[in-house]
Amino acid sequence: MGSLVVGRVVAVFNWGVIVDIGLSKVGLIDALYVDDEDKYEPGAEVAAYLESLDSMKDKYILRPPHQTSLAERLRNKGYDV
């Protein structure tokens, strides 16, 4: 976890972007990490940090390099995470 990985966009939904990162499970860039100006398209190569494995969604959670992690956002707001 925490590694920068490169993969290919498989599908784009309003709830997130599915990315084939060459592991046993696909990656998910949650909509939380997608800005209006981000243009994800199937087949495009993307780089992202491997944040965690979500066993409920059965996917790796990915974070684009230009985004701050959710945990860091909460810490910056004074929450203990």
Protein backbone atom coordinates (compact mmCIF):
# COMPACT_ATOMS: atom_id res chain seq x y z
CA MET A 1 0.00 0.00 0.00
CA GLY A 2 1.11 3.54 -0.68
CA SER A 3 2.85 2.63 -3.95
CA LEU A 4 2.33 4.58 -7.13
CA VAL A 5 0.81 2.22 -9.71
CA VAL A 6 0.02 2.65 -13.39
CA GLY A 7 -3.02 1.11 -15.03
CA ARG A 8 -5.62 1.47 -17.76
CA VAL A 9 -9.11 2.86 -17.32
CA VAL A 10 -11.67 0.10 -17.86
CA ALA A 11 -14.89 2.03 -17.23
CA VAL A 12 -16.06 5.44 -16.04
CA PHE A 13 -19.17 5.86 -13.88
CA ASN A 14 -20.58 8.78 -11.91
CA TRP A 15 -19.57 6.91 -8.71
CA GLY A 16 -15.96 6.34 -9.79
CA VAL A 17 -13.42 5.07 -12.28
CA ILE A 18 -12.50 1.38 -12.64
CA VAL A 19 -8.81 0.82 -13.42
CA ASP A 20 -6.98 -2.38 -14.39
CA ILE A 21 -3.75 -2.19 -12.39
CA GLY A 22 -2.54 -5.69 -13.22
CA LEU A 23 -3.31 -7.20 -9.82
CA SER A 24 -5.85 -9.82 -8.77
CA LYS A 25 -8.51 -7.13 -8.29
CA VAL A 26 -9.27 -3.94 -10.18
CA GLY A 27 -8.71 -0.49 -8.75
CA LEU A 28 -11.33 2.14 -8.02
CA ILE A 29 -10.79 5.88 -8.11
CA ASP A 30 -13.74 6.96 -5.99
CA ALA A 31 -15.79 9.93 -7.21
CA LEU A 32 -14.49 11.73 -4.11
CA TYR A 33 -11.12 11.94 -5.90
CA VAL A 34 -12.50 13.00 -9.31
CA ASP A 35 -12.66 16.71 -10.07
CA ASP A 36 -14.84 18.26 -12.77
CA GLU A 37 -11.79 19.00 -14.90
CA ASP A 38 -10.52 15.39 -14.76
CA LYS A 39 -11.10 13.58 -18.04
CA TYR A 40 -10.99 9.81 -17.59
CA GLU A 41 -11.69 7.71 -20.69
CA PRO A 42 -11.66 3.93 -21.20
CA GLY A 43 -8.25 2.81 -22.44
CA ALA A 44 -6.40 5.81 -21.03
CA GLU A 45 -3.30 5.18 -18.92
CA VAL A 46 -3.47 6.59 -15.39
CA ALA A 47 -1.15 6.71 -12.40
CA ALA A 48 -2.51 6.56 -8.86
CA TYR A 49 -1.48 5.70 -5.33
CA LEU A 50 -2.66 2.35 -3.97
CA GLU A 51 -4.49 3.48 -0.82
CA SER A 52 -6.17 0.33 0.49
CA LEU A 53 -8.09 -2.84 -0.29
CA ASP A 54 -11.84 -2.44 0.20
CA SER A 55 -13.05 -5.97 0.95
CA MET A 56 -16.71 -4.90 0.75
CA LYS A 57 -16.27 -3.57 -2.80
CA ASP A 58 -13.63 -6.23 -3.63
CA LYS A 59 -11.46 -3.52 -5.20
CA TYR A 60 -8.26 -1.64 -4.49
CA ILE A 61 -8.90 2.00 -3.64
CA LEU A 62 -6.75 4.36 -5.69
CA ARG A 63 -5.91 8.04 -5.22
CA PRO A 64 -4.67 10.24 -8.05
CA PRO A 65 -1.29 11.87 -7.30
CA HIS A 66 -2.78 15.39 -7.34
CA GLN A 67 -5.34 14.56 -4.61
CA THR A 68 -4.96 14.55 -0.81
CA SER A 69 -6.02 11.33 0.90
CA LEU A 70 -9.33 11.27 2.76
CA ALA A 71 -7.53 10.51 6.04
CA GLU A 72 -5.29 13.55 5.58
CA ARG A 73 -8.30 15.74 4.77
CA LEU A 74 -9.99 14.64 8.00
CA ARG A 75 -6.80 15.18 10.06
CA ASN A 76 -6.53 18.70 8.62
CA LYS A 77 -10.07 19.37 9.86
CA GLY A 78 -9.14 18.22 13.38
CA TYR A 79 -10.55 14.67 13.32
CA ASP A 80 -8.59 11.85 14.94
CA VAL A 81 -8.15 9.15 12.28
